[in-house]
């Protein structure tokens, strides 16, 4: 593991895999607004370049595929020191056990579980000892949604992976953020009628009758990235959905 610490003469470097859209993009944008250098990575070169351009001069684009180990190795080998690695990529496989499609499920699990682990493996030589890894899980591991068979499994696997990594790659910290249903995201704002109805039921049953919004997730992410006292934690940001 690298013995490098955070340099005092350079801005922190945040790498966001899955940073071309959704919550990953919002975290990347917020990192740049905080004066940090950002590498925004995704599978689509055009989307990555567009995201980096939108974020501004502190951002650069990167290309990698969480199911292609050679692409991950090449991507991370081309980077300089990394202070924080954020793994926000996801795959919304709609899979029900009654009509289960094993091949589709395998692709999702490969990406979110093995792909996350492989990313940390290839990033490890570049990670600052004072840095951290932040991975995204999801509330569906506890509260299944229609068609969430695969993603429920994958989300639970992320938490198990984080616990293992926190021991293996110390002193680098490893944390998980588990969002609930997040308003302001494409998946929620344009949900199909069945899911939209379930989301509304969940909102009504939360203590404050509200669901988290994008800024709630971004602020929680930086709490995990920046606080050296938080390690091996799974921060649930769901406005109390898990109580219903």
C-alpha atoms as a PDB file:
ATOM      1  CA  UNK A   1       0.000   0.000   0.000  1.00  0.00           C
ATOM      2  CA  UNK A   2       1.174   3.515  -0.670  1.00  0.00           C
ATOM      3  CA  UNK A   3       2.668   5.318   2.293  1.00  0.00           C
ATOM      4  CA  UNK A   4       1.855   8.731   0.879  1.00  0.00           C
ATOM      5  CA  UNK A   5      -0.164  11.166   2.933  1.00  0.00           C
ATOM      6  CA  UNK A   6      -2.105  14.140   1.744  1.00  0.00           C
ATOM      7  CA  UNK A   7       0.206  16.649   0.187  1.00  0.00           C
ATOM      8  CA  UNK A   8       0.029  20.136   1.611  1.00  0.00           C
ATOM      9  CA  UNK A   9       0.934  21.695  -1.742  1.00  0.00           C
ATOM     10  CA  UNK A  10      -1.846  20.183  -3.823  1.00  0.00           C
ATOM     11  CA  UNK A  11      -5.613  20.055  -3.825  1.00  0.00           C
ATOM     12  CA  UNK A  12      -7.132  16.771  -2.734  1.00  0.00           C
ATOM     13  CA  UNK A  13      -7.953  14.405  -5.571  1.00  0.00           C
ATOM     14  CA  UNK A  14     -11.382  12.748  -5.581  1.00  0.00           C
ATOM     15  CA  UNK A  15     -12.044   9.961  -8.085  1.00  0.00           C
ATOM     16  CA  UNK A  16     -15.721   9.208  -8.732  1.00  0.00           C
ATOM     17  CA  UNK A  17     -16.423   6.013 -10.661  1.00  0.00           C
ATOM     18  CA  UNK A  18     -19.983   6.368 -11.871  1.00  0.00           C
ATOM     19  CA  UNK A  19     -19.614  10.131 -11.750  1.00  0.00           C
ATOM     20  CA  UNK A  20     -21.080  10.974 -15.139  1.00  0.00           C
ATOM     21  CA  UNK A  21     -24.674  11.097 -13.946  1.00  0.00           C
ATOM     22  CA  UNK A  22     -26.984  10.867 -10.965  1.00  0.00           C
ATOM     23  CA  UNK A  23     -25.690  11.004  -7.414  1.00  0.00           C
ATOM     24  CA  UNK A  24     -22.126  10.299  -8.506  1.00  0.00           C
ATOM     25  CA  UNK A  25     -22.140  13.385 -10.702  1.00  0.00           C
ATOM     26  CA  UNK A  26     -23.582  15.515  -7.896  1.00  0.00           C
ATOM     27  CA  UNK A  27     -20.817  14.376  -5.546  1.00  0.00           C
ATOM     28  CA  UNK A  28     -18.162  15.085  -8.175  1.00  0.00           C
ATOM     29  CA  UNK A  29     -19.599  18.556  -8.766  1.00  0.00           C
ATOM     30  CA  UNK A  30     -19.722  19.277  -5.038  1.00  0.00           C
ATOM     31  CA  UNK A  31     -16.110  18.132  -4.640  1.00  0.00           C
ATOM     32  CA  UNK A  32     -14.979  20.651  -7.260  1.00  0.00           C
ATOM     33  CA  UNK A  33     -17.029  23.362  -5.568  1.00  0.00           C
ATOM     34  CA  UNK A  34     -15.048  22.571  -2.417  1.00  0.00           C
ATOM     35  CA  UNK A  35     -11.818  23.194  -4.297  1.00  0.00           C
ATOM     36  CA  UNK A  36     -10.843  19.576  -4.904  1.00  0.00           C
ATOM     37  CA  UNK A  37      -9.532  18.075  -8.115  1.00  0.00           C
ATOM     38  CA  UNK A  38     -11.976  15.553  -9.541  1.00  0.00           C
ATOM     39  CA  UNK A  39     -11.693  12.665 -11.962  1.00  0.00           C
ATOM     40  CA  UNK A  40     -15.127  11.777 -13.311  1.00  0.00           C
ATOM     41  CA  UNK A  41     -15.120   8.217 -14.645  1.00  0.00           C
ATOM     42  CA  UNK A  42     -17.645   6.166 -16.596  1.00  0.00           C
ATOM     43  CA  UNK A  43     -17.959   3.736 -19.482  1.00  0.00           C
ATOM     44  CA  UNK A  44     -19.059   6.286 -22.067  1.00  0.00           C
ATOM     45  CA  UNK A  45     -16.270   8.675 -23.146  1.00  0.00           C
ATOM     46  CA  UNK A  46     -18.728  11.263 -24.450  1.00  0.00           C
ATOM     47  CA  UNK A  47     -20.706  11.347 -21.197  1.00  0.00           C
ATOM     48  CA  UNK A  48     -17.518  11.544 -19.148  1.00  0.00           C
ATOM     49  CA  UNK A  49     -16.170  14.470 -21.162  1.00  0.00           C
ATOM     50  CA  UNK A  50     -19.504  16.257 -20.961  1.00  0.00           C
ATOM     51  CA  UNK A  51     -19.719  15.766 -17.185  1.00  0.00           C
ATOM     52  CA  UNK A  52     -16.170  17.010 -16.642  1.00  0.00           C
ATOM     53  CA  UNK A  53     -16.791  20.066 -18.816  1.00  0.00           C
ATOM     54  CA  UNK A  54     -19.955  20.879 -16.889  1.00  0.00           C
ATOM     55  CA  UNK A  55     -18.156  20.611 -13.543  1.00  0.00           C
ATOM     56  CA  UNK A  56     -15.370  22.949 -14.642  1.00  0.00           C
ATOM     57  CA  UNK A  57     -11.629  23.348 -14.702  1.00  0.00           C
ATOM     58  CA  UNK A  58     -10.971  21.206 -11.627  1.00  0.00           C
ATOM     59  CA  UNK A  59     -12.483  18.139 -13.310  1.00  0.00           C
ATOM     60  CA  UNK A  60     -11.081  15.713 -15.865  1.00  0.00           C
ATOM     61  CA  UNK A  61     -12.751  12.755 -17.554  1.00  0.00           C
ATOM     62  CA  UNK A  62     -11.754   9.124 -17.156  1.00  0.00           C
ATOM     63  CA  UNK A  63     -12.909   5.952 -18.865  1.00  0.00           C
ATOM     64  CA  UNK A  64     -13.376   2.598 -17.161  1.00  0.00           C
ATOM     65  CA  UNK A  65     -15.805  -0.296 -17.082  1.00  0.00           C
ATOM     66  CA  UNK A  66     -16.504  -2.073 -13.800  1.00  0.00           C
ATOM     67  CA  UNK A  67     -16.864  -5.386 -15.638  1.00  0.00           C
ATOM     68  CA  UNK A  68     -13.633  -5.023 -17.624  1.00  0.00           C
ATOM     69  CA  UNK A  69     -10.594  -5.599 -15.428  1.00  0.00           C
ATOM     70  CA  UNK A  70      -8.137  -4.454 -18.077  1.00  0.00           C
ATOM     71  CA  UNK A  71      -9.934  -1.123 -18.371  1.00  0.00           C
ATOM     72  CA  UNK A  72      -9.859  -0.657 -14.598  1.00  0.00           C
ATOM     73  CA  UNK A  73      -6.158  -1.443 -14.420  1.00  0.00           C
ATOM     74  CA  UNK A  74      -5.401   0.969 -17.245  1.00  0.00           C
ATOM     75  CA  UNK A  75      -7.562   3.710 -15.750  1.00  0.00           C
ATOM     76  CA  UNK A  76      -6.054   3.615 -12.275  1.00  0.00           C
ATOM     77  CA  UNK A  77      -2.492   3.163 -13.520  1.00  0.00           C
ATOM     78  CA  UNK A  78      -2.845   6.465 -15.352  1.00  0.00           C
ATOM     79  CA  UNK A  79      -3.846   8.427 -12.270  1.00  0.00           C
ATOM     80  CA  UNK A  80      -1.706  10.274  -9.770  1.00  0.00           C
ATOM     81  CA  UNK A  81      -2.237  10.133  -5.992  1.00  0.00           C
ATOM     82  CA  UNK A  82      -5.838   9.592  -4.901  1.00  0.00           C
ATOM     83  CA  UNK A  83      -7.234  10.992  -1.668  1.00  0.00           C
ATOM     84  CA  UNK A  84     -10.761   9.646  -1.968  1.00  0.00           C
ATOM     85  CA  UNK A  85     -12.292   6.981  -4.181  1.00  0.00           C
ATOM     86  CA  UNK A  86     -16.071   7.106  -4.580  1.00  0.00           C
ATOM     87  CA  UNK A  87     -17.766   4.091  -6.171  1.00  0.00           C
ATOM     88  CA  UNK A  88     -21.221   5.277  -7.181  1.00  0.00           C
ATOM     89  CA  UNK A  89     -21.915   3.261 -10.334  1.00  0.00           C
ATOM     90  CA  UNK A  90     -25.048   1.148 -10.321  1.00  0.00           C
ATOM     91  CA  UNK A  91     -27.145  -1.051 -12.552  1.00  0.00           C
ATOM     92  CA  UNK A  92     -30.906  -1.033 -12.107  1.00  0.00           C
ATOM     93  CA  UNK A  93     -31.608  -4.628 -13.105  1.00  0.00           C
ATOM     94  CA  UNK A  94     -35.355  -5.258 -12.926  1.00  0.00           C
ATOM     95  CA  UNK A  95     -35.518  -8.912 -11.948  1.00  0.00           C
ATOM     96  CA  UNK A  96     -38.238 -10.844 -10.174  1.00  0.00           C
ATOM     97  CA  UNK A  97     -37.583 -14.319  -8.793  1.00  0.00           C
ATOM     98  CA  UNK A  98     -40.667 -15.750 -10.523  1.00  0.00           C
ATOM     99  CA  UNK A  99     -39.260 -14.759 -13.915  1.00  0.00           C
ATOM    100  CA  UNK A 100     -35.629 -14.710 -12.876  1.00  0.00           C
ATOM    101  CA  UNK A 101     -33.013 -13.948 -15.537  1.00  0.00           C
ATOM    102  CA  UNK A 102     -29.723 -15.290 -14.164  1.00  0.00           C
ATOM    103  CA  UNK A 103     -27.558 -13.747 -16.876  1.00  0.00           C
ATOM    104  CA  UNK A 104     -28.868 -10.233 -16.173  1.00  0.00           C
ATOM    105  CA  UNK A 105     -28.468 -10.783 -12.433  1.00  0.00           C
ATOM    106  CA  UNK A 106     -24.897 -11.986 -12.915  1.00  0.00           C
ATOM    107  CA  UNK A 107     -23.984  -8.823 -14.849  1.00  0.00           C
ATOM    108  CA  UNK A 108     -25.312  -6.596 -12.070  1.00  0.00           C
ATOM    109  CA  UNK A 109     -23.591  -8.534  -9.308  1.00  0.00           C
ATOM    110  CA  UNK A 110     -20.362  -8.615 -11.293  1.00  0.00           C
ATOM    111  CA  UNK A 111     -20.430  -4.857 -11.708  1.00  0.00           C
ATOM    112  CA  UNK A 112     -21.439  -3.771  -8.228  1.00  0.00           C
ATOM    113  CA  UNK A 113     -19.648  -6.388  -6.134  1.00  0.00           C
ATOM    114  CA  UNK A 114     -16.646  -7.739  -8.029  1.00  0.00           C
ATOM    115  CA  UNK A 115     -16.256  -4.464  -9.924  1.00  0.00           C
ATOM    116  CA  UNK A 116     -16.173  -2.422  -6.729  1.00  0.00           C
ATOM    117  CA  UNK A 117     -13.604  -4.786  -5.229  1.00  0.00           C
ATOM    118  CA  UNK A 118     -11.474  -4.727  -8.384  1.00  0.00           C
ATOM    119  CA  UNK A 119     -11.543  -0.927  -8.407  1.00  0.00           C
ATOM    120  CA  UNK A 120     -10.147  -0.793  -4.887  1.00  0.00           C
ATOM    121  CA  UNK A 121      -7.503  -3.361  -5.843  1.00  0.00           C
ATOM    122  CA  UNK A 122      -6.225  -1.312  -8.755  1.00  0.00           C
ATOM    123  CA  UNK A 123      -6.553   2.010  -6.904  1.00  0.00           C
ATOM    124  CA  UNK A 124      -4.746   0.812  -3.792  1.00  0.00           C
ATOM    125  CA  UNK A 125      -1.189   1.786  -4.796  1.00  0.00           C
ATOM    126  CA  UNK A 126      -2.401   5.345  -5.391  1.00  0.00           C
ATOM    127  CA  UNK A 127      -4.578   5.786  -2.282  1.00  0.00           C
ATOM    128  CA  UNK A 128      -3.291   8.115   0.434  1.00  0.00           C
ATOM    129  CA  UNK A 129      -3.062   6.511   3.858  1.00  0.00           C
ATOM    130  CA  UNK A 130      -5.140   9.404   5.178  1.00  0.00           C
ATOM    131  CA  UNK A 131      -7.744   8.902   2.456  1.00  0.00           C
ATOM    132  CA  UNK A 132     -10.890   6.864   2.114  1.00  0.00           C
ATOM    133  CA  UNK A 133     -13.098   4.713  -0.060  1.00  0.00           C
ATOM    134  CA  UNK A 134     -16.826   5.394  -0.220  1.00  0.00           C
ATOM    135  CA  UNK A 135     -19.176   2.849  -1.774  1.00  0.00           C
ATOM    136  CA  UNK A 136     -22.881   3.052  -2.527  1.00  0.00           C
ATOM    137  CA  UNK A 137     -25.343   0.471  -1.305  1.00  0.00           C
ATOM    138  CA  UNK A 138     -29.125   0.886  -1.219  1.00  0.00           C
ATOM    139  CA  UNK A 139     -32.107   0.436   1.064  1.00  0.00           C
ATOM    140  CA  UNK A 140     -33.485  -2.352  -1.114  1.00  0.00           C
ATOM    141  CA  UNK A 141     -31.248  -4.796   0.763  1.00  0.00           C
ATOM    142  CA  UNK A 142     -33.639  -4.371   3.705  1.00  0.00           C
ATOM    143  CA  UNK A 143     -36.766  -3.128   1.961  1.00  0.00           C
ATOM    144  CA  UNK A 144     -37.202  -4.886  -1.378  1.00  0.00           C
ATOM    145  CA  UNK A 145     -38.956  -3.060  -4.185  1.00  0.00           C
ATOM    146  CA  UNK A 146     -40.817  -4.659  -7.099  1.00  0.00           C
ATOM    147  CA  UNK A 147     -38.181  -6.320  -9.285  1.00  0.00           C
ATOM    148  CA  UNK A 148     -35.285  -5.611  -6.910  1.00  0.00           C
ATOM    149  CA  UNK A 149     -34.135  -9.220  -6.450  1.00  0.00           C
ATOM    150  CA  UNK A 150     -30.707  -8.663  -7.976  1.00  0.00           C
ATOM    151  CA  UNK A 151     -30.006  -5.205  -6.635  1.00  0.00           C
ATOM    152  CA  UNK A 152     -31.120  -6.252  -3.138  1.00  0.00           C
ATOM    153  CA  UNK A 153     -28.451  -8.969  -3.226  1.00  0.00           C
ATOM    154  CA  UNK A 154     -25.820  -6.653  -4.669  1.00  0.00           C
ATOM    155  CA  UNK A 155     -26.486  -3.893  -2.140  1.00  0.00           C
ATOM    156  CA  UNK A 156     -26.100  -6.307   0.769  1.00  0.00           C
ATOM    157  CA  UNK A 157     -22.844  -7.497  -0.760  1.00  0.00           C
ATOM    158  CA  UNK A 158     -21.447  -3.954  -0.790  1.00  0.00           C
ATOM    159  CA  UNK A 159     -21.764  -3.715   2.986  1.00  0.00           C
ATOM    160  CA  UNK A 160     -20.000  -7.043   3.447  1.00  0.00           C
ATOM    161  CA  UNK A 161     -17.247  -5.936   1.088  1.00  0.00           C
ATOM    162  CA  UNK A 162     -16.752  -2.683   2.993  1.00  0.00           C
ATOM    163  CA  UNK A 163     -16.354  -4.490   6.310  1.00  0.00           C
ATOM    164  CA  UNK A 164     -13.687  -6.711   4.797  1.00  0.00           C
ATOM    165  CA  UNK A 165     -11.850  -3.865   3.084  1.00  0.00           C
ATOM    166  CA  UNK A 166     -11.792  -1.686   6.207  1.00  0.00           C
ATOM    167  CA  UNK A 167      -9.633  -4.356   7.847  1.00  0.00           C
ATOM    168  CA  UNK A 168      -7.561  -5.239   4.792  1.00  0.00           C
ATOM    169  CA  UNK A 169      -6.547  -1.784   3.545  1.00  0.00           C
ATOM    170  CA  UNK A 170      -6.213   0.128   6.817  1.00  0.00           C
ATOM    171  CA  UNK A 171      -5.320   2.896   7.519  1.00  0.00           C
ATOM    172  CA  UNK A 172      -7.343   3.866   4.445  1.00  0.00           C
ATOM    173  CA  UNK A 173     -10.918   4.247   5.696  1.00  0.00           C
ATOM    174  CA  UNK A 174     -13.808   2.452   4.008  1.00  0.00           C
ATOM    175  CA  UNK A 175     -17.435   3.507   4.387  1.00  0.00           C
ATOM    176  CA  UNK A 176     -20.802   2.890   2.758  1.00  0.00           C
ATOM    177  CA  UNK A 177     -23.685   5.229   2.157  1.00  0.00           C
ATOM    178  CA  UNK A 178     -27.132   3.680   1.871  1.00  0.00           C
ATOM    179  CA  UNK A 179     -29.652   6.114   0.399  1.00  0.00           C
ATOM    180  CA  UNK A 180     -33.352   5.622   0.639  1.00  0.00           C
ATOM    181  CA  UNK A 181     -35.642   6.721  -2.173  1.00  0.00           C
ATOM    182  CA  UNK A 182     -34.042   9.995  -3.271  1.00  0.00           C
ATOM    183  CA  UNK A 183     -36.176  12.733  -4.772  1.00  0.00           C
ATOM    184  CA  UNK A 184     -34.629  14.654  -7.620  1.00  0.00           C
ATOM    185  CA  UNK A 185     -33.066  11.597  -9.243  1.00  0.00           C
ATOM    186  CA  UNK A 186     -34.050  10.245 -12.640  1.00  0.00           C
ATOM    187  CA  UNK A 187     -35.062   6.844 -11.297  1.00  0.00           C
ATOM    188  CA  UNK A 188     -37.473   8.316  -8.742  1.00  0.00           C
ATOM    189  CA  UNK A 189     -38.840  11.334 -10.580  1.00  0.00           C
ATOM    190  CA  UNK A 190     -39.629   9.192 -13.653  1.00  0.00           C
ATOM    191  CA  UNK A 191     -40.546   5.948 -11.913  1.00  0.00           C
ATOM    192  CA  UNK A 192     -43.130   3.608 -13.378  1.00  0.00           C
ATOM    193  CA  UNK A 193     -46.607   3.821 -11.771  1.00  0.00           C
ATOM    194  CA  UNK A 194     -46.125   0.765  -9.543  1.00  0.00           C
ATOM    195  CA  UNK A 195     -42.903   2.059  -8.040  1.00  0.00           C
ATOM    196  CA  UNK A 196     -44.173   5.638  -7.840  1.00  0.00           C
ATOM    197  CA  UNK A 197     -47.116   4.445  -5.764  1.00  0.00           C
ATOM    198  CA  UNK A 198     -44.802   2.551  -3.435  1.00  0.00           C
ATOM    199  CA  UNK A 199     -42.512   5.568  -3.084  1.00  0.00           C
ATOM    200  CA  UNK A 200     -45.465   7.725  -2.098  1.00  0.00           C
ATOM    201  CA  UNK A 201     -46.552   5.175   0.516  1.00  0.00           C
ATOM    202  CA  UNK A 202     -43.036   5.204   1.929  1.00  0.00           C
ATOM    203  CA  UNK A 203     -43.000   9.009   2.034  1.00  0.00           C
ATOM    204  CA  UNK A 204     -46.254   9.097   3.940  1.00  0.00           C
ATOM    205  CA  UNK A 205     -44.893   6.636   6.497  1.00  0.00           C
ATOM    206  CA  UNK A 206     -41.656   8.492   7.233  1.00  0.00           C
ATOM    207  CA  UNK A 207     -41.643  10.455  10.509  1.00  0.00           C
ATOM    208  CA  UNK A 208     -41.323  13.814   8.739  1.00  0.00           C
ATOM    209  CA  UNK A 209     -43.457  12.913   5.717  1.00  0.00           C
ATOM    210  CA  UNK A 210     -40.499  13.614   3.427  1.00  0.00           C
ATOM    211  CA  UNK A 211     -38.000  11.628   1.414  1.00  0.00           C
ATOM    212  CA  UNK A 212     -34.321  12.540   1.153  1.00  0.00           C
ATOM    213  CA  UNK A 213     -33.238  14.801  -1.698  1.00  0.00           C
ATOM    214  CA  UNK A 214     -30.005  14.869  -3.668  1.00  0.00           C
ATOM    215  CA  UNK A 215     -28.319  17.431  -1.399  1.00  0.00           C
ATOM    216  CA  UNK A 216     -28.956  15.182   1.606  1.00  0.00           C
ATOM    217  CA  UNK A 217     -26.955  12.396  -0.019  1.00  0.00           C
ATOM    218  CA  UNK A 218     -24.160  14.719  -1.132  1.00  0.00           C
ATOM    219  CA  UNK A 219     -23.771  16.214   2.348  1.00  0.00           C
ATOM    220  CA  UNK A 220     -23.762  12.751   3.897  1.00  0.00           C
ATOM    221  CA  UNK A 221     -21.098  11.609   1.438  1.00  0.00           C
ATOM    222  CA  UNK A 222     -18.746  14.403   2.486  1.00  0.00           C
ATOM    223  CA  UNK A 223     -19.348  13.634   6.152  1.00  0.00           C
ATOM    224  CA  UNK A 224     -17.981  10.158   5.443  1.00  0.00           C
ATOM    225  CA  UNK A 225     -15.160  11.360   3.202  1.00  0.00           C
ATOM    226  CA  UNK A 226     -13.894  14.098   5.498  1.00  0.00           C
ATOM    227  CA  UNK A 227     -14.303  12.807   9.036  1.00  0.00           C
ATOM    228  CA  UNK A 228     -11.291  10.665  10.008  1.00  0.00           C
ATOM    229  CA  UNK A 229     -13.234   9.251  12.939  1.00  0.00           C
ATOM    230  CA  UNK A 230     -15.748   7.495  10.702  1.00  0.00           C
ATOM    231  CA  UNK A 231     -14.616   4.107   9.426  1.00  0.00           C
ATOM    232  CA  UNK A 232     -16.320   0.809   8.570  1.00  0.00           C
ATOM    233  CA  UNK A 233     -19.699   2.551   8.801  1.00  0.00           C
ATOM    234  CA  UNK A 234     -22.856   2.204   6.762  1.00  0.00           C
ATOM    235  CA  UNK A 235     -24.621   5.559   6.860  1.00  0.00           C
ATOM    236  CA  UNK A 236     -28.324   5.235   6.088  1.00  0.00           C
ATOM    237  CA  UNK A 237     -29.781   8.433   4.612  1.00  0.00           C
ATOM    238  CA  UNK A 238     -33.444   7.665   4.165  1.00  0.00           C
ATOM    239  CA  UNK A 239     -35.332  10.240   6.292  1.00  0.00           C
ATOM    240  CA  UNK A 240     -36.511   7.383   8.508  1.00  0.00           C
ATOM    241  CA  UNK A 241     -37.905   5.135   5.752  1.00  0.00           C
ATOM    242  CA  UNK A 242     -36.491   2.082   7.501  1.00  0.00           C
ATOM    243  CA  UNK A 243     -38.832   2.708  10.439  1.00  0.00           C
ATOM    244  CA  UNK A 244     -41.957   2.203   8.357  1.00  0.00           C
END
